[in-house]
Amino acid sequence: MNIRNLAKLALVMLLPVVVAHADDKKPTAKAGAGATKSFTGQVSDSMCGKSHMMPGKSAAECAKECAKDGDYALVVGAKVYTLKGHKDELEKLAGENATVTGSVKGDTIEVATVAAAKAPASKGTMAKPTGKKM
């Protein structure tokens, strides 16, 4: 057997193995990733997060100023989520507690709804998924 025939035989024998394992490398969707969830926390901005840096300004004033060139954020306990969308509504609630509902991807919430929190969220809370699909 010459080298070309040996190479063809090896290729034909390895092809089914490669095809069988091709699915192993595909990323899998995480359960609940992108599901609609509700979070309650303090509306801030993505630059300052939990610690506002403007001396002499309230948390609301600082968040509004910093979010002009960036995004609003929601501080839920020790976690800070960047908020995308509904910027006008978030501006009205800057520095206050709010409940935000939306789809989560990593540290970002694609906002579906925003409302003033009914109860103070001193440590922030994460509600269970609503079951609604967007």
Protein backbone atom coordinates (compact mmCIF):
# COMPACT_ATOMS: atom_id res chain seq x y z
CA MET A 1 0.00 0.00 0.00
CA ASN A 2 1.44 3.35 -0.92
CA ILE A 3 1.31 6.44 1.27
CA ARG A 4 -1.61 8.06 -0.61
CA ASN A 5 -3.88 5.07 -0.14
CA LEU A 6 -2.88 4.87 3.53
CA ALA A 7 -3.73 8.57 4.01
CA LYS A 8 -7.13 8.11 2.32
CA LEU A 9 -7.90 5.11 4.49
CA ALA A 10 -6.97 6.99 7.66
CA LEU A 11 -9.17 9.94 6.60
CA VAL A 12 -12.14 7.69 5.89
CA MET A 13 -11.73 5.94 9.26
CA LEU A 14 -11.40 9.19 11.26
CA LEU A 15 -14.23 11.09 9.57
CA PRO A 16 -17.07 9.37 11.52
CA VAL A 17 -15.23 10.00 14.80
CA VAL A 18 -14.81 13.70 14.04
CA VAL A 19 -18.45 14.07 13.00
CA ALA A 20 -19.66 12.25 16.12
CA HIS A 21 -17.74 14.62 18.40
CA ALA A 22 -18.59 17.82 16.53
CA ASP A 23 -21.66 18.38 18.75
CA ASP A 24 -19.49 18.26 21.89
CA LYS A 25 -18.07 21.71 21.19
CA LYS A 26 -21.34 23.55 20.63
CA PRO A 27 -22.19 25.99 23.44
CA THR A 28 -25.17 24.98 25.50
CA ALA A 29 -27.80 27.43 26.61
CA LYS A 30 -27.93 27.87 30.35
CA ALA A 31 -31.23 27.06 31.94
CA GLY A 32 -33.05 30.31 32.61
CA ALA A 33 -30.58 32.44 30.68
CA GLY A 34 -32.50 35.33 29.20
CA ALA A 35 -35.60 34.47 31.23
CA THR A 36 -37.64 37.38 32.50
CA LYS A 37 -36.84 38.15 36.14
CA SER A 38 -37.61 40.95 38.57
CA PHE A 39 -35.02 42.70 40.73
CA THR A 40 -35.47 45.29 43.46
CA GLY A 41 -32.64 47.61 44.40
CA GLN A 42 -31.35 51.17 44.20
CA VAL A 43 -31.16 52.90 40.82
CA SER A 44 -27.61 54.15 40.28
CA ASP A 45 -25.35 54.54 37.26
CA SER A 46 -22.97 52.02 35.73
CA MET A 47 -19.88 54.17 36.36
CA CYS A 48 -20.37 54.74 40.10
CA GLY A 49 -22.30 51.60 41.00
CA LYS A 50 -22.67 51.50 44.81
CA SER A 51 -20.26 54.36 45.60
CA HIS A 52 -21.09 57.77 44.17
CA MET A 53 -18.03 59.92 43.54
CA MET A 54 -19.38 63.46 43.14
CA PRO A 55 -18.70 65.40 46.34
CA GLY A 56 -21.61 67.46 47.54
CA LYS A 57 -24.12 65.72 45.26
CA SER A 58 -26.87 63.35 46.30
CA ALA A 59 -26.98 59.80 44.95
CA ALA A 60 -29.78 60.86 42.59
CA GLU A 61 -27.89 63.90 41.25
CA CYS A 62 -24.71 61.88 40.75
CA ALA A 63 -26.52 59.01 39.01
CA LYS A 64 -28.34 61.38 36.65
CA GLU A 65 -25.15 63.24 35.75
CA CYS A 66 -23.06 60.09 35.21
CA ALA A 67 -25.80 58.29 33.24
CA LYS A 68 -25.94 61.10 30.66
CA ASP A 69 -22.92 59.57 28.94
CA GLY A 70 -23.47 56.00 30.14
CA ASP A 71 -26.12 53.67 31.46
CA TYR A 72 -28.16 53.41 34.60
CA ALA A 73 -27.51 50.51 36.95
CA LEU A 74 -29.40 48.67 39.64
CA VAL A 75 -27.61 47.89 42.90
CA VAL A 76 -29.02 44.66 44.33
CA GLY A 77 -27.13 43.81 47.52
CA ALA A 78 -23.47 43.55 46.52
CA LYS A 79 -24.29 43.03 42.83
CA VAL A 80 -24.49 45.86 40.28
CA TYR A 81 -26.50 45.25 37.09
CA THR A 82 -26.17 47.54 34.05
CA LEU A 83 -29.62 48.53 32.79
CA LYS A 84 -30.38 48.81 29.08
CA GLY A 85 -33.51 50.64 27.94
CA HIS A 86 -36.20 52.78 29.64
CA LYS A 87 -33.66 55.52 30.39
CA ASP A 88 -36.33 58.24 30.86
CA GLU A 89 -38.18 56.17 33.47
CA LEU A 90 -34.94 55.24 35.25
CA GLU A 91 -33.93 58.92 35.41
CA LYS A 92 -37.08 59.67 37.42
CA LEU A 93 -36.13 56.94 39.92
CA ALA A 94 -32.39 57.72 40.16
CA GLY A 95 -31.14 57.31 43.73
CA GLU A 96 -34.38 55.59 44.77
CA ASN A 97 -35.44 51.97 45.18
CA ALA A 98 -37.08 50.42 42.16
CA THR A 99 -38.27 47.08 40.87
CA VAL A 100 -36.92 46.30 37.41
CA THR A 101 -38.17 43.42 35.30
CA GLY A 102 -36.30 42.19 32.26
CA SER A 103 -34.08 39.56 30.70
CA VAL A 104 -30.67 39.03 32.26
CA LYS A 105 -27.46 38.34 30.35
CA GLY A 106 -24.46 38.28 32.67
CA ASP A 107 -24.41 41.59 34.56
CA THR A 108 -26.82 43.33 32.16
CA ILE A 109 -30.59 43.56 32.38
CA GLU A 110 -32.52 44.34 29.19
CA VAL A 111 -35.29 46.32 30.91
CA ALA A 112 -38.92 45.46 30.15
CA THR A 113 -40.59 47.39 33.01
CA VAL A 114 -39.56 49.78 35.78
CA ALA A 115 -41.58 50.77 38.83
CA ALA A 116 -40.90 52.44 42.16
CA ALA A 117 -40.32 49.77 44.79
CA LYS A 118 -43.29 49.19 47.08
CA ALA A 119 -41.04 48.39 50.05
CA PRO A 120 -37.56 49.66 50.87
CA ALA A 121 -34.87 47.34 49.55
CA SER A 122 -32.05 47.93 52.01
CA LYS A 123 -30.08 44.92 50.77
CA GLY A 124 -31.84 44.45 47.44
CA THR A 125 -33.82 41.43 46.40
CA MET A 126 -34.09 39.21 43.42
CA ALA A 127 -37.58 37.93 42.75
CA LYS A 128 -38.40 34.61 41.14
CA PRO A 129 -38.75 34.49 37.34
CA THR A 130 -42.15 35.66 36.18
CA GLY A 131 -42.49 32.92 33.58
CA LYS A 132 -43.26 35.46 30.87
CA LYS A 133 -41.25 35.14 27.68
CA MET A 134 -40.20 38.21 25.76
